[in-house]
Amino acid sequence: MEIIYPRQQKKNIRVLDEGEEQRLLLFLAEEMDFCKFGVYLALRTGLRIGEVCALRWADISLETHTISVSRTAQRIQSFEAGNESKTQVVIGAPKTESSCRVIPLMPDLAALYARFATKDPKAFVLTGTRQCMEPRKLQRRLKDYMAQCQIQSVHFHTLRHTFATRCIEAGFDVKTLSEILGHSNITVTMNQYVHPNLEQKRENMSRLKTVIHV
């Protein structure tokens, strides 16, 4: 028996347009605190929500102007006292080796680092203490920020998609972007973000020589 499975439709990636991104950036800059800094960090580096929550101040260096990503925070099932429905936040290594990476700091992030950095290098960036912020709490904060900016249909991964899209628009080579995002290979980056728009297609078509003169 031959079974024909229905084709799975490709989901459209939500990316902030330039107007939405500008509104969000202006909102984050106004009375910026640790949480707003975390959202800004994700928008300017493409960090995942678990990576932002697990980031310590020791991971950010002003000497080399880099961010070292080597941990992620995630909520997993806990089996303590036989309660299988209970969960807990655990900080550990990322699932893949490629997720451990070093990202260069942009000048604006370096300036914010100097502004918010605590004396304790083991303190988490989002809390200023050795207590990690719950990823779901940061997601709720982002939802509140989006409501105030009147931007709809945004979750934390949208910031990562927006960062990657802006990098492509700025002319990043795919290999560099793939390593910054922590993808396992450039194919993932190509399939998700490298999609020429109509103007790019028209520009490339115009390079073809005219064969028939009319």
N, C-alpha and C. Protein backbone atom coordinates (compact mmCIF):
# COMPACT_ATOMS: atom_id res chain seq x y z
N MET A 1 0.85 -1.19 0.00
CA MET A 1 0.00 0.00 0.00
C MET A 1 0.89 1.25 0.00
N GLU A 2 0.60 2.13 -0.89
CA GLU A 2 1.35 3.37 -0.97
C GLU A 2 0.62 4.47 -0.21
N ILE A 3 1.31 5.05 0.74
CA ILE A 3 0.71 6.10 1.56
C ILE A 3 1.33 7.43 1.19
N ILE A 4 0.49 8.39 0.84
CA ILE A 4 0.97 9.74 0.50
C ILE A 4 0.66 10.66 1.67
N TYR A 5 1.71 11.13 2.33
CA TYR A 5 1.53 12.00 3.48
C TYR A 5 1.35 13.45 3.03
N PRO A 6 0.53 14.19 3.73
CA PRO A 6 0.35 15.61 3.36
C PRO A 6 1.64 16.37 3.59
N ARG A 7 1.91 17.33 2.72
CA ARG A 7 3.11 18.12 2.85
C ARG A 7 3.01 19.06 4.06
N GLN A 8 4.08 19.13 4.78
CA GLN A 8 4.11 20.02 5.94
C GLN A 8 4.43 21.43 5.49
N GLN A 9 3.53 22.34 5.78
CA GLN A 9 3.74 23.72 5.37
C GLN A 9 4.83 24.37 6.21
N LYS A 10 5.70 25.10 5.55
CA LYS A 10 6.79 25.77 6.24
C LYS A 10 6.27 26.98 7.00
N LYS A 11 6.61 27.05 8.26
CA LYS A 11 6.14 28.16 9.09
C LYS A 11 6.93 29.43 8.77
N ASN A 12 6.21 30.53 8.69
CA ASN A 12 6.86 31.81 8.47
C ASN A 12 7.54 32.28 9.75
N ILE A 13 8.77 32.75 9.61
CA ILE A 13 9.52 33.24 10.76
C ILE A 13 9.10 34.68 11.05
N ARG A 14 8.72 34.94 12.29
CA ARG A 14 8.32 36.29 12.68
C ARG A 14 9.57 37.12 12.91
N VAL A 15 9.68 38.22 12.21
CA VAL A 15 10.80 39.14 12.35
C VAL A 15 10.25 40.54 12.56
N LEU A 16 10.81 41.27 13.50
CA LEU A 16 10.41 42.65 13.70
C LEU A 16 10.80 43.48 12.49
N ASP A 17 9.87 44.29 11.98
CA ASP A 17 10.26 45.19 10.91
C ASP A 17 11.06 46.34 11.51
N GLU A 18 11.60 47.20 10.68
CA GLU A 18 12.49 48.25 11.17
C GLU A 18 11.78 49.21 12.11
N GLY A 19 10.51 49.49 11.84
CA GLY A 19 9.75 50.39 12.70
C GLY A 19 9.51 49.78 14.07
N GLU A 20 9.15 48.49 14.10
CA GLU A 20 8.92 47.80 15.37
C GLU A 20 10.21 47.70 16.17
N GLU A 21 11.28 47.37 15.49
CA GLU A 21 12.58 47.25 16.17
C GLU A 21 13.00 48.58 16.78
N GLN A 22 12.78 49.66 16.05
CA GLN A 22 13.15 50.98 16.56
C GLN A 22 12.33 51.35 17.78
N ARG A 23 11.02 51.05 17.77
CA ARG A 23 10.17 51.33 18.92
C ARG A 23 10.63 50.54 20.14
N LEU A 24 10.98 49.28 19.91
CA LEU A 24 11.44 48.45 21.02
C LEU A 24 12.76 48.96 21.57
N LEU A 25 13.70 49.34 20.70
CA LEU A 25 14.99 49.84 21.15
C LEU A 25 14.85 51.11 21.98
N LEU A 26 13.98 52.01 21.54
CA LEU A 26 13.75 53.25 22.28
C LEU A 26 13.12 52.97 23.63
N PHE A 27 12.22 51.98 23.67
CA PHE A 27 11.57 51.61 24.93
C PHE A 27 12.59 51.01 25.90
N LEU A 28 13.46 50.14 25.41
CA LEU A 28 14.46 49.50 26.26
C LEU A 28 15.47 50.51 26.80
N ALA A 29 15.78 51.51 26.00
CA ALA A 29 16.77 52.52 26.41
C ALA A 29 16.23 53.43 27.51
N GLU A 30 14.90 53.55 27.60
CA GLU A 30 14.30 54.42 28.60
C GLU A 30 14.27 53.71 29.96
N GLU A 31 14.98 54.25 30.92
CA GLU A 31 15.06 53.68 32.27
C GLU A 31 15.43 52.20 32.21
N MET A 32 16.51 51.90 31.51
CA MET A 32 16.93 50.51 31.35
C MET A 32 17.35 49.88 32.67
N ASP A 33 16.86 48.66 32.91
CA ASP A 33 17.24 47.90 34.09
C ASP A 33 17.84 46.57 33.63
N PHE A 34 18.06 45.64 34.57
CA PHE A 34 18.70 44.38 34.22
C PHE A 34 17.89 43.59 33.20
N CYS A 35 16.56 43.52 33.37
CA CYS A 35 15.73 42.76 32.45
C CYS A 35 15.72 43.38 31.05
N LYS A 36 15.60 44.69 30.99
CA LYS A 36 15.64 45.36 29.70
C LYS A 36 17.00 45.17 29.03
N PHE A 37 18.05 45.16 29.83
CA PHE A 37 19.38 44.91 29.30
C PHE A 37 19.46 43.51 28.71
N GLY A 38 18.82 42.53 29.36
CA GLY A 38 18.81 41.17 28.85
C GLY A 38 18.11 41.06 27.51
N VAL A 39 16.98 41.75 27.37
CA VAL A 39 16.24 41.75 26.10
C VAL A 39 17.07 42.43 25.02
N TYR A 40 17.69 43.56 25.38
CA TYR A 40 18.53 44.29 24.44
C TYR A 40 19.71 43.43 23.99
N LEU A 41 20.27 42.69 24.94
CA LEU A 41 21.40 41.80 24.66
C LEU A 41 21.00 40.74 23.63
N ALA A 42 19.81 40.17 23.80
CA ALA A 42 19.34 39.15 22.87
C ALA A 42 19.11 39.73 21.48
N LEU A 43 18.56 40.93 21.44
CA LEU A 43 18.26 41.58 20.16
C LEU A 43 19.53 41.96 19.40
N ARG A 44 20.63 42.16 20.14
CA ARG A 44 21.88 42.61 19.51
C ARG A 44 22.93 41.50 19.36
N THR A 45 22.60 40.30 19.86
CA THR A 45 23.56 39.19 19.75
C THR A 45 22.94 37.90 19.24
N GLY A 46 21.61 37.79 19.29
CA GLY A 46 20.96 36.56 18.86
C GLY A 46 20.98 35.45 19.90
N LEU A 47 21.28 35.78 21.16
CA LEU A 47 21.30 34.77 22.21
C LEU A 47 19.90 34.20 22.45
N ARG A 48 19.84 32.92 22.76
CA ARG A 48 18.58 32.27 23.12
C ARG A 48 18.20 32.67 24.55
N ILE A 49 16.92 32.48 24.91
CA ILE A 49 16.46 32.92 26.22
C ILE A 49 17.18 32.17 27.34
N GLY A 50 17.43 30.88 27.17
CA GLY A 50 18.14 30.12 28.19
C GLY A 50 19.57 30.57 28.34
N GLU A 51 20.19 30.99 27.24
CA GLU A 51 21.57 31.48 27.27
C GLU A 51 21.66 32.83 27.96
N VAL A 52 20.66 33.69 27.75
CA VAL A 52 20.65 34.99 28.43
C VAL A 52 20.47 34.80 29.93
N CYS A 53 19.55 33.93 30.32
CA CYS A 53 19.30 33.70 31.75
C CYS A 53 20.51 33.09 32.46
N ALA A 54 21.29 32.28 31.75
CA ALA A 54 22.45 31.61 32.36
C ALA A 54 23.73 32.44 32.28
N LEU A 55 23.65 33.60 31.67
CA LEU A 55 24.85 34.42 31.47
C LEU A 55 25.29 35.09 32.77
N ARG A 56 26.57 34.91 33.12
CA ARG A 56 27.16 35.57 34.28
C ARG A 56 28.05 36.71 33.82
N TRP A 57 28.31 37.64 34.73
CA TRP A 57 29.15 38.79 34.37
C TRP A 57 30.57 38.37 34.01
N ALA A 58 31.02 37.23 34.54
CA ALA A 58 32.36 36.73 34.20
C ALA A 58 32.45 36.31 32.74
N ASP A 59 31.29 36.09 32.10
CA ASP A 59 31.27 35.66 30.71
C ASP A 59 31.44 36.83 29.74
N ILE A 60 31.36 38.06 30.26
CA ILE A 60 31.49 39.24 29.41
C ILE A 60 32.81 39.93 29.73
N SER A 61 33.64 40.13 28.71
CA SER A 61 34.97 40.71 28.91
C SER A 61 35.10 42.04 28.18
N LEU A 62 35.50 43.07 28.93
CA LEU A 62 35.76 44.37 28.31
C LEU A 62 37.16 44.42 27.70
N GLU A 63 38.04 43.53 28.16
CA GLU A 63 39.40 43.49 27.64
C GLU A 63 39.41 42.99 26.19
N THR A 64 38.67 41.92 25.97
CA THR A 64 38.61 41.35 24.62
C THR A 64 37.34 41.75 23.87
N HIS A 65 36.43 42.45 24.58
CA HIS A 65 35.14 42.86 24.00
C HIS A 65 34.40 41.65 23.42
N THR A 66 34.20 40.64 24.27
CA THR A 66 33.54 39.41 23.83
C THR A 66 32.56 38.91 24.89
N ILE A 67 31.62 38.09 24.42
CA ILE A 67 30.71 37.35 25.30
C ILE A 67 30.97 35.88 25.07
N SER A 68 31.22 35.14 26.13
CA SER A 68 31.44 33.70 26.03
C SER A 68 30.17 32.97 26.43
N VAL A 69 29.65 32.18 25.52
CA VAL A 69 28.42 31.42 25.78
C VAL A 69 28.77 29.96 25.99
N SER A 70 28.52 29.46 27.19
CA SER A 70 28.88 28.07 27.49
C SER A 70 27.83 27.37 28.35
N ARG A 71 26.75 28.09 28.71
CA ARG A 71 25.71 27.50 29.56
C ARG A 71 24.33 27.93 29.08
N THR A 72 23.34 27.16 29.49
CA THR A 72 21.95 27.52 29.21
C THR A 72 21.08 27.13 30.40
N ALA A 73 20.04 27.89 30.63
CA ALA A 73 19.09 27.60 31.71
C ALA A 73 17.81 27.05 31.09
N GLN A 74 17.33 25.95 31.65
CA GLN A 74 16.10 25.36 31.14
C GLN A 74 15.33 24.70 32.27
N ARG A 75 14.02 24.65 32.11
CA ARG A 75 13.16 24.02 33.11
C ARG A 75 12.93 22.58 32.70
N ILE A 76 13.29 21.65 33.61
CA ILE A 76 13.14 20.23 33.32
C ILE A 76 12.30 19.57 34.42
N GLN A 77 11.87 18.37 34.13
CA GLN A 77 11.04 17.62 35.07
C GLN A 77 11.86 17.15 36.27
N SER A 78 11.30 17.30 37.45
CA SER A 78 11.96 16.88 38.68
C SER A 78 11.25 15.66 39.25
N PHE A 79 12.03 14.70 39.74
CA PHE A 79 11.46 13.48 40.29
C PHE A 79 11.66 13.39 41.80
N GLU A 80 11.84 14.55 42.44
CA GLU A 80 12.03 14.57 43.88
C GLU A 80 10.74 14.18 44.61
N ALA A 81 10.89 13.38 45.62
CA ALA A 81 9.78 12.95 46.48
C ALA A 81 8.66 12.29 45.69
N GLY A 82 9.04 11.70 44.54
CA GLY A 82 8.04 10.98 43.75
C GLY A 82 7.04 11.86 43.04
N ASN A 83 7.26 13.16 43.05
CA ASN A 83 6.33 14.08 42.38
C ASN A 83 6.83 14.34 40.97
N GLU A 84 6.30 13.58 40.00
CA GLU A 84 6.78 13.68 38.63
C GLU A 84 6.28 14.93 37.92
N SER A 85 5.28 15.60 38.48
CA SER A 85 4.73 16.79 37.84
C SER A 85 5.52 18.05 38.18
N LYS A 86 6.42 17.95 39.14
CA LYS A 86 7.20 19.10 39.56
C LYS A 86 8.36 19.34 38.61
N THR A 87 8.68 20.60 38.37
CA THR A 87 9.80 20.95 37.50
C THR A 87 10.76 21.89 38.23
N GLN A 88 11.97 22.02 37.70
CA GLN A 88 12.95 22.90 38.29
C GLN A 88 13.86 23.47 37.20
N VAL A 89 14.41 24.65 37.47
CA VAL A 89 15.32 25.29 36.52
C VAL A 89 16.73 24.76 36.77
N VAL A 90 17.35 24.29 35.71
CA VAL A 90 18.69 23.71 35.79
C VAL A 90 19.61 24.44 34.81
N ILE A 91 20.81 24.75 35.25
CA ILE A 91 21.81 25.38 34.38
C ILE A 91 22.84 24.34 34.00
N GLY A 92 23.02 24.17 32.71
CA GLY A 92 23.98 23.18 32.23
C GLY A 92 24.55 23.55 30.89
N ALA A 93 25.31 22.65 30.32
CA ALA A 93 25.92 22.89 29.02
C ALA A 93 24.85 22.84 27.93
N PRO A 94 25.04 23.57 26.84
CA PRO A 94 24.10 23.51 25.72
C PRO A 94 24.06 22.11 25.12
N LYS A 95 23.03 21.84 24.32
CA LYS A 95 22.85 20.52 23.74
C LYS A 95 23.93 20.17 22.73
N THR A 96 24.45 21.15 22.03
CA THR A 96 25.45 20.90 20.99
C THR A 96 26.73 21.69 21.27
N GLU A 97 27.84 21.18 20.76
CA GLU A 97 29.12 21.86 20.94
C GLU A 97 29.15 23.21 20.24
N SER A 98 28.45 23.32 19.12
CA SER A 98 28.45 24.57 18.36
C SER A 98 27.76 25.70 19.11
N SER A 99 26.91 25.36 20.10
CA SER A 99 26.25 26.39 20.89
C SER A 99 27.21 27.08 21.84
N CYS A 100 28.32 26.43 22.15
CA CYS A 100 29.38 27.07 22.95
C CYS A 100 30.22 27.93 22.00
N ARG A 101 30.17 29.23 22.20
CA ARG A 101 30.77 30.12 21.22
C ARG A 101 31.20 31.43 21.86
N VAL A 102 31.96 32.21 21.13
CA VAL A 102 32.39 33.53 21.58
C VAL A 102 31.85 34.56 20.59
N ILE A 103 31.15 35.57 21.11
CA ILE A 103 30.52 36.59 20.27
C ILE A 103 31.18 37.94 20.55
N PRO A 104 31.64 38.63 19.52
CA PRO A 104 32.23 39.97 19.72
C PRO A 104 31.19 40.96 20.25
N LEU A 105 31.63 41.83 21.15
CA LEU A 105 30.75 42.85 21.71
C LEU A 105 30.71 44.07 20.80
N MET A 106 29.51 44.58 20.57
CA MET A 106 29.37 45.86 19.87
C MET A 106 29.62 46.98 20.87
N PRO A 107 30.02 48.17 20.42
CA PRO A 107 30.35 49.28 21.33
C PRO A 107 29.22 49.63 22.30
N ASP A 108 27.96 49.59 21.84
CA ASP A 108 26.86 49.94 22.73
C ASP A 108 26.70 48.93 23.86
N LEU A 109 26.93 47.65 23.57
CA LEU A 109 26.85 46.62 24.61
C LEU A 109 28.00 46.76 25.60
N ALA A 110 29.17 47.12 25.11
CA ALA A 110 30.32 47.32 25.99
C ALA A 110 30.05 48.46 26.96
N ALA A 111 29.41 49.52 26.47
CA ALA A 111 29.09 50.66 27.33
C ALA A 111 28.06 50.28 28.39
N LEU A 112 27.07 49.47 27.99
CA LEU A 112 26.05 49.04 28.95
C LEU A 112 26.64 48.07 29.97
N TYR A 113 27.60 47.27 29.53
CA TYR A 113 28.28 46.36 30.45
C TYR A 113 28.93 47.16 31.58
N ALA A 114 29.65 48.20 31.22
CA ALA A 114 30.33 49.02 32.22
C ALA A 114 29.32 49.68 33.16
N ARG A 115 28.13 49.92 32.67
CA ARG A 115 27.10 50.59 33.47
C ARG A 115 26.42 49.65 34.46
N PHE A 116 26.19 48.40 34.04
CA PHE A 116 25.42 47.47 34.87
C PHE A 116 26.25 46.43 35.61
N ALA A 117 27.52 46.25 35.23
CA ALA A 117 28.33 45.17 35.81
C ALA A 117 28.42 45.27 37.33
N THR A 118 28.34 44.11 37.98
CA THR A 118 28.46 44.04 39.43
C THR A 118 29.89 43.63 39.81
N LYS A 119 30.21 43.76 41.09
CA LYS A 119 31.55 43.41 41.55
C LYS A 119 31.75 41.90 41.61
N ASP A 120 30.64 41.16 41.70
CA ASP A 120 30.73 39.71 41.79
C ASP A 120 30.70 39.11 40.39
N PRO A 121 31.80 38.56 39.89
CA PRO A 121 31.82 38.02 38.53
C PRO A 121 30.93 36.79 38.36
N LYS A 122 30.58 36.12 39.48
CA LYS A 122 29.72 34.94 39.39
C LYS A 122 28.24 35.29 39.42
N ALA A 123 27.93 36.57 39.58
CA ALA A 123 26.53 37.01 39.59
C ALA A 123 25.94 36.90 38.18
N PHE A 124 24.66 36.57 38.13
CA PHE A 124 23.99 36.47 36.84
C PHE A 124 23.65 37.87 36.32
N VAL A 125 23.74 38.04 35.02
CA VAL A 125 23.53 39.34 34.39
C VAL A 125 22.13 39.88 34.66
N LEU A 126 21.12 39.02 34.62
CA LEU A 126 19.73 39.47 34.74
C LEU A 126 19.28 39.78 36.16
N THR A 127 20.03 39.31 37.15
CA THR A 127 19.60 39.51 38.53
C THR A 127 20.61 40.30 39.36
N GLY A 128 21.88 40.27 38.98
CA GLY A 128 22.90 40.92 39.78
C GLY A 128 23.26 40.13 41.02
N THR A 129 22.70 38.92 41.13
CA THR A 129 22.97 38.03 42.26
C THR A 129 23.39 36.66 41.72
N ARG A 130 23.63 35.70 42.63
CA ARG A 130 23.98 34.35 42.20
C ARG A 130 22.75 33.48 42.01
N GLN A 131 21.59 34.10 42.01
CA GLN A 131 20.33 33.41 41.75
C GLN A 131 19.91 33.66 40.30
N CYS A 132 19.75 32.59 39.54
CA CYS A 132 19.39 32.70 38.13
C CYS A 132 17.94 33.13 37.96
N MET A 133 17.66 33.93 36.94
CA MET A 133 16.28 34.31 36.65
C MET A 133 15.58 33.17 35.91
N GLU A 134 14.34 32.94 36.27
CA GLU A 134 13.51 31.95 35.63
C GLU A 134 13.24 32.36 34.18
N PRO A 135 13.52 31.51 33.18
CA PRO A 135 13.27 31.88 31.78
C PRO A 135 11.83 32.31 31.52
N ARG A 136 10.87 31.66 32.19
CA ARG A 136 9.47 32.03 31.97
C ARG A 136 9.19 33.44 32.48
N LYS A 137 9.91 33.87 33.51
CA LYS A 137 9.73 35.22 34.02
C LYS A 137 10.23 36.24 32.99
N LEU A 138 11.35 35.95 32.37
CA LEU A 138 11.88 36.85 31.34
C LEU A 138 10.93 36.90 30.15
N GLN A 139 10.34 35.75 29.81
CA GLN A 139 9.37 35.73 28.71
C GLN A 139 8.16 36.59 29.04
N ARG A 140 7.71 36.54 30.30
CA ARG A 140 6.58 37.38 30.72
C ARG A 140 6.95 38.85 30.67
N ARG A 141 8.18 39.17 31.07
CA ARG A 141 8.63 40.57 30.98
C ARG A 141 8.62 41.05 29.53
N LEU A 142 9.10 40.20 28.63
CA LEU A 142 9.12 40.57 27.21
C LEU A 142 7.70 40.79 26.70
N LYS A 143 6.78 39.94 27.12
CA LYS A 143 5.38 40.10 26.70
C LYS A 143 4.82 41.43 27.17
N ASP A 144 5.18 41.82 28.39
CA ASP A 144 4.74 43.12 28.92
C ASP A 144 5.36 44.27 28.13
N TYR A 145 6.64 44.15 27.80
CA TYR A 145 7.32 45.17 27.01
C TYR A 145 6.65 45.33 25.64
N MET A 146 6.31 44.21 25.01
CA MET A 146 5.69 44.25 23.69
C MET A 146 4.32 44.92 23.74
N ALA A 147 3.59 44.66 24.82
CA ALA A 147 2.27 45.28 24.97
C ALA A 147 2.40 46.79 25.08
N GLN A 148 3.41 47.23 25.84
CA GLN A 148 3.62 48.66 25.99
C GLN A 148 4.09 49.32 24.69
N CYS A 149 4.81 48.55 23.86
CA CYS A 149 5.27 49.06 22.57
C CYS A 149 4.23 48.86 21.46
N GLN A 150 3.12 48.20 21.82
CA GLN A 150 2.05 47.91 20.86
C GLN A 150 2.57 47.09 19.67
N ILE A 151 3.34 46.06 20.02
CA ILE A 151 3.87 45.13 19.02
C ILE A 151 3.30 43.75 19.33
N GLN A 152 2.70 43.11 18.34
CA GLN A 152 2.01 41.85 18.56
C GLN A 152 2.78 40.65 18.04
N SER A 153 2.37 39.47 18.52
CA SER A 153 2.89 38.17 18.03
C SER A 153 4.40 38.07 18.13
N VAL A 154 4.93 38.37 19.32
CA VAL A 154 6.37 38.30 19.53
C VAL A 154 6.68 37.41 20.72
N HIS A 155 7.59 36.48 20.53
CA HIS A 155 8.15 35.72 21.64
C HIS A 155 9.66 35.92 21.64
N PHE A 156 10.35 35.33 22.59
CA PHE A 156 11.77 35.64 22.73
C PHE A 156 12.58 35.24 21.51
N HIS A 157 12.19 34.15 20.85
CA HIS A 157 12.96 33.70 19.69
C HIS A 157 12.83 34.68 18.53
N THR A 158 11.80 35.53 18.57
CA THR A 158 11.63 36.55 17.53
C THR A 158 12.82 37.51 17.53
N LEU A 159 13.37 37.78 18.72
CA LEU A 159 14.54 38.66 18.82
C LEU A 159 15.73 38.04 18.10
N ARG A 160 15.89 36.74 18.25
CA ARG A 160 16.98 36.01 17.58
C ARG A 160 16.80 36.04 16.06
N HIS A 161 15.57 35.82 15.62
CA HIS A 161 15.29 35.87 14.18
C HIS A 161 15.56 37.27 13.63
N THR A 162 15.18 38.29 14.41
CA THR A 162 15.38 39.67 13.96
C THR A 162 16.86 39.99 13.84
N PHE A 163 17.63 39.58 14.84
CA PHE A 163 19.08 39.80 14.80
C PHE A 163 19.70 39.15 13.57
N ALA A 164 19.35 37.90 13.31
CA ALA A 164 19.92 37.18 12.18
C ALA A 164 19.54 37.83 10.85
N THR A 165 18.30 38.27 10.76
CA THR A 165 17.84 38.92 9.53
C THR A 165 18.58 40.22 9.28
N ARG A 166 18.79 41.02 10.33
CA ARG A 166 19.52 42.28 10.18
C ARG A 166 20.97 42.01 9.77
N CYS A 167 21.54 40.93 10.28
CA CYS A 167 22.93 40.58 9.91
C CYS A 167 23.02 40.26 8.41
N ILE A 168 22.05 39.50 7.92
CA ILE A 168 22.03 39.16 6.49
C ILE A 168 21.88 40.42 5.66
N GLU A 169 20.99 41.31 6.09
CA GLU A 169 20.77 42.57 5.38
C GLU A 169 22.03 43.44 5.37
N ALA A 170 22.83 43.31 6.44
CA ALA A 170 24.06 44.10 6.55
C ALA A 170 25.22 43.50 5.77
N GLY A 171 25.01 42.30 5.22
CA GLY A 171 26.05 41.69 4.39
C GLY A 171 26.94 40.68 5.09
N PHE A 172 26.51 40.16 6.26
CA PHE A 172 27.31 39.13 6.94
C PHE A 172 27.47 37.92 6.03
N ASP A 173 28.66 37.30 6.07
CA ASP A 173 28.78 36.03 5.37
C ASP A 173 28.12 34.96 6.22
N VAL A 174 27.58 33.94 5.59
CA VAL A 174 26.75 32.95 6.27
C VAL A 174 27.53 32.15 7.31
N LYS A 175 28.79 31.85 7.02
CA LYS A 175 29.61 31.08 7.96
C LYS A 175 29.78 31.83 9.28
N THR A 176 30.08 33.13 9.19
CA THR A 176 30.25 33.95 10.39
C THR A 176 28.96 34.00 11.19
N LEU A 177 27.84 34.26 10.51
CA LEU A 177 26.55 34.35 11.19
C LEU A 177 26.18 33.03 11.84
N SER A 178 26.47 31.93 11.15
CA SER A 178 26.16 30.60 11.68
C SER A 178 26.88 30.36 13.00
N GLU A 179 28.15 30.76 13.08
CA GLU A 179 28.92 30.57 14.31
C GLU A 179 28.45 31.50 15.42
N ILE A 180 28.06 32.73 15.08
CA ILE A 180 27.55 33.66 16.08
C ILE A 180 26.25 33.15 16.68
N LEU A 181 25.40 32.55 15.83
CA LEU A 181 24.12 32.03 16.30
C LEU A 181 24.26 30.69 17.02
N GLY A 182 25.38 30.02 16.80
CA GLY A 182 25.58 28.72 17.44
C GLY A 182 24.87 27.60 16.74
N HIS A 183 24.69 27.73 15.42
CA HIS A 183 24.06 26.66 14.63
C HIS A 183 25.06 25.53 14.41
N SER A 184 24.53 24.32 14.26
CA SER A 184 25.39 23.16 14.07
C SER A 184 26.07 23.16 12.71
N ASN A 185 25.43 23.78 11.71
CA ASN A 185 26.04 23.90 10.39
C ASN A 185 25.39 25.07 9.65
N ILE A 186 26.03 25.49 8.56
CA ILE A 186 25.53 26.66 7.84
C ILE A 186 24.23 26.38 7.10
N THR A 187 23.90 25.10 6.90
CA THR A 187 22.65 24.78 6.22
C THR A 187 21.45 25.28 7.00
N VAL A 188 21.52 25.16 8.32
CA VAL A 188 20.43 25.65 9.18
C VAL A 188 20.27 27.15 8.99
N THR A 189 21.37 27.87 8.97
CA THR A 189 21.34 29.32 8.79
C THR A 189 20.80 29.68 7.41
N MET A 190 21.27 28.98 6.39
CA MET A 190 20.84 29.24 5.01
C MET A 190 19.34 29.05 4.87
N ASN A 191 18.83 27.94 5.39
CA ASN A 191 17.42 27.62 5.22
C ASN A 191 16.51 28.58 5.97
N GLN A 192 16.98 29.09 7.10
CA GLN A 192 16.13 29.94 7.93
C GLN A 192 16.18 31.41 7.54
N TYR A 193 17.34 31.90 7.14
CA TYR A 193 17.50 33.34 7.04
C TYR A 193 17.93 33.89 5.68
N VAL A 194 18.55 33.07 4.85
CA VAL A 194 19.06 33.58 3.58
C VAL A 194 17.99 33.43 2.51
N HIS A 195 17.12 34.44 2.42
CA HIS A 195 16.04 34.45 1.44
C HIS A 195 16.04 35.80 0.74
N PRO A 196 16.52 35.87 -0.48
CA PRO A 196 16.57 37.15 -1.19
C PRO A 196 15.17 37.72 -1.41
N ASN A 197 15.04 39.04 -1.23
CA ASN A 197 13.76 39.68 -1.48
C ASN A 197 13.62 40.00 -2.97
N LEU A 198 12.49 40.59 -3.34
CA LEU A 198 12.21 40.86 -4.74
C LEU A 198 13.23 41.81 -5.36
N GLU A 199 13.65 42.82 -4.62
CA GLU A 199 14.62 43.78 -5.16
C GLU A 199 15.96 43.11 -5.43
N GLN A 200 16.37 42.20 -4.55
CA GLN A 200 17.63 41.48 -4.76
C GLN A 200 17.53 40.58 -5.99
N LYS A 201 16.37 39.95 -6.15
CA LYS A 201 16.17 39.09 -7.33
C LYS A 201 16.20 39.93 -8.61
N ARG A 202 15.53 41.10 -8.56
CA ARG A 202 15.49 41.97 -9.73
C ARG A 202 16.90 42.47 -10.09
N GLU A 203 17.68 42.79 -9.05
CA GLU A 203 19.05 43.27 -9.28
C GLU A 203 19.89 42.19 -9.94
N ASN A 204 19.76 40.96 -9.49
CA ASN A 204 20.52 39.87 -10.08
C ASN A 204 20.07 39.55 -11.49
N MET A 205 18.77 39.63 -11.74
CA MET A 205 18.25 39.36 -13.08
C MET A 205 18.76 40.40 -14.07
N SER A 206 18.93 41.64 -13.59
CA SER A 206 19.39 42.72 -14.47
C SER A 206 20.83 42.52 -14.93
N ARG A 207 21.56 41.63 -14.27
CA ARG A 207 22.95 41.37 -14.64
C ARG A 207 23.06 40.46 -15.87
N LEU A 208 21.98 39.78 -16.18
CA LEU A 208 21.99 38.89 -17.34
C LEU A 208 22.06 39.72 -18.62
N LYS A 209 22.81 39.21 -19.57
CA LYS A 209 22.92 39.91 -20.84
C LYS A 209 21.64 39.74 -21.66
N THR A 210 21.29 40.79 -22.34
CA THR A 210 20.11 40.73 -23.20
C THR A 210 20.44 39.89 -24.44
N VAL A 211 19.62 38.89 -24.69
CA VAL A 211 19.85 37.99 -25.82
C VAL A 211 19.13 38.47 -27.06
N ILE A 212 17.86 38.83 -26.88
CA ILE A 212 17.06 39.29 -28.03
C ILE A 212 16.81 40.79 -27.88
N HIS A 213 17.14 41.53 -28.88
CA HIS A 213 16.91 42.96 -28.87
C HIS A 213 15.60 43.27 -29.56
N VAL A 214 14.69 43.91 -28.87
CA VAL A 214 13.39 44.24 -29.46
C VAL A 214 13.15 45.73 -29.38
